[in-house]
């Protein structure tokens, strides 16, 4: 597995965990936020690659775009109360 994939999984998991510590209440919330953080990070990575933004890359990892989409997805999931 390439290092940038591991870093992406780590950052997505970190964002989900931080969001749970801030807004979560139960183990169910933790699992939802963890998965949402990882999926949001992956979607943001894909979006950054598709749109061709090249700001603050770590290797091929689009950190800024993936971070923004990950946090938006976490707030969206929390707002929808899934």
Protein backbone atom coordinates (compact mmCIF):
# COMPACT_ATOMS: atom_id res chain seq x y z
CA UNK A 1 0.00 0.00 0.00
CA UNK A 2 1.50 3.37 -0.98
CA UNK A 3 2.39 5.75 1.86
CA UNK A 4 0.01 8.48 0.66
CA UNK A 5 -2.93 6.06 0.99
CA UNK A 6 -1.96 5.29 4.58
CA UNK A 7 -1.58 8.99 5.31
CA UNK A 8 -5.02 9.64 3.82
CA UNK A 9 -6.58 6.92 5.96
CA UNK A 10 -4.81 8.27 9.02
CA UNK A 11 -5.94 11.86 8.40
CA UNK A 12 -9.52 10.83 7.62
CA UNK A 13 -9.62 8.75 10.80
CA UNK A 14 -8.10 11.58 12.80
CA UNK A 15 -10.72 14.05 11.55
CA UNK A 16 -13.54 11.62 12.38
CA UNK A 17 -12.13 11.01 15.86
CA UNK A 18 -11.66 14.71 16.59
CA UNK A 19 -15.20 15.42 15.41
CA UNK A 20 -16.53 12.67 17.68
CA UNK A 21 -14.65 14.04 20.67
CA UNK A 22 -16.19 17.44 19.94
CA UNK A 23 -19.75 16.53 18.94
CA UNK A 24 -20.28 12.78 19.46
CA UNK A 25 -22.10 10.99 22.24
CA UNK A 26 -22.09 7.25 21.65
CA UNK A 27 -20.08 4.45 20.09
CA UNK A 28 -22.49 4.50 17.16
CA UNK A 29 -21.66 8.19 16.58
CA UNK A 30 -17.95 7.38 16.72
CA UNK A 31 -18.24 4.70 14.04
CA UNK A 32 -20.36 6.92 11.81
CA UNK A 33 -17.96 9.86 12.14
CA UNK A 34 -14.92 7.65 11.61
CA UNK A 35 -16.29 6.19 8.38
CA UNK A 36 -17.57 9.59 7.23
CA UNK A 37 -14.18 11.22 7.84
CA UNK A 38 -12.40 8.56 5.78
CA UNK A 39 -14.95 8.57 2.94
CA UNK A 40 -15.05 12.38 2.88
CA UNK A 41 -11.26 12.48 2.72
CA UNK A 42 -11.30 10.03 -0.19
CA UNK A 43 -13.94 12.03 -2.04
CA UNK A 44 -11.96 15.23 -1.49
CA UNK A 45 -8.83 13.52 -2.80
CA UNK A 46 -10.69 12.42 -5.92
CA UNK A 47 -12.13 15.89 -6.38
CA UNK A 48 -8.71 17.48 -6.06
CA UNK A 49 -7.29 15.09 -8.63
CA UNK A 50 -10.21 15.59 -11.02
CA UNK A 51 -10.13 19.39 -10.81
CA UNK A 52 -6.35 19.54 -11.00
CA UNK A 53 -5.72 21.66 -7.92
CA UNK A 54 -2.08 21.41 -6.90
CA UNK A 55 -1.92 23.42 -3.68
CA UNK A 56 -0.05 21.87 -0.77
CA UNK A 57 0.42 18.38 -2.11
CA UNK A 58 2.11 15.69 -0.06
CA UNK A 59 3.23 13.41 -2.84
CA UNK A 60 0.04 12.80 -4.82
CA UNK A 61 -2.16 13.52 -1.77
CA UNK A 62 -4.34 16.65 -2.05
CA UNK A 63 -4.36 17.54 1.65
CA UNK A 64 -6.29 20.82 1.55
CA UNK A 65 -9.08 19.68 -0.75
CA UNK A 66 -9.49 16.35 1.04
CA UNK A 67 -9.50 18.00 4.48
CA UNK A 68 -12.15 20.53 3.48
CA UNK A 69 -14.45 17.89 1.97
CA UNK A 70 -13.92 15.59 4.97
CA UNK A 71 -14.98 18.30 7.43
CA UNK A 72 -17.93 19.34 5.26
CA UNK A 73 -19.11 15.74 5.14
CA UNK A 74 -18.76 15.41 8.93
CA UNK A 75 -20.84 18.54 9.53
CA UNK A 76 -23.39 17.37 6.95
CA UNK A 77 -23.76 13.96 8.63
CA UNK A 78 -24.13 15.62 12.01
CA UNK A 79 -26.70 18.07 10.64
CA UNK A 80 -28.69 15.23 9.06
CA UNK A 81 -28.51 13.36 12.40
CA UNK A 82 -27.80 10.01 10.80
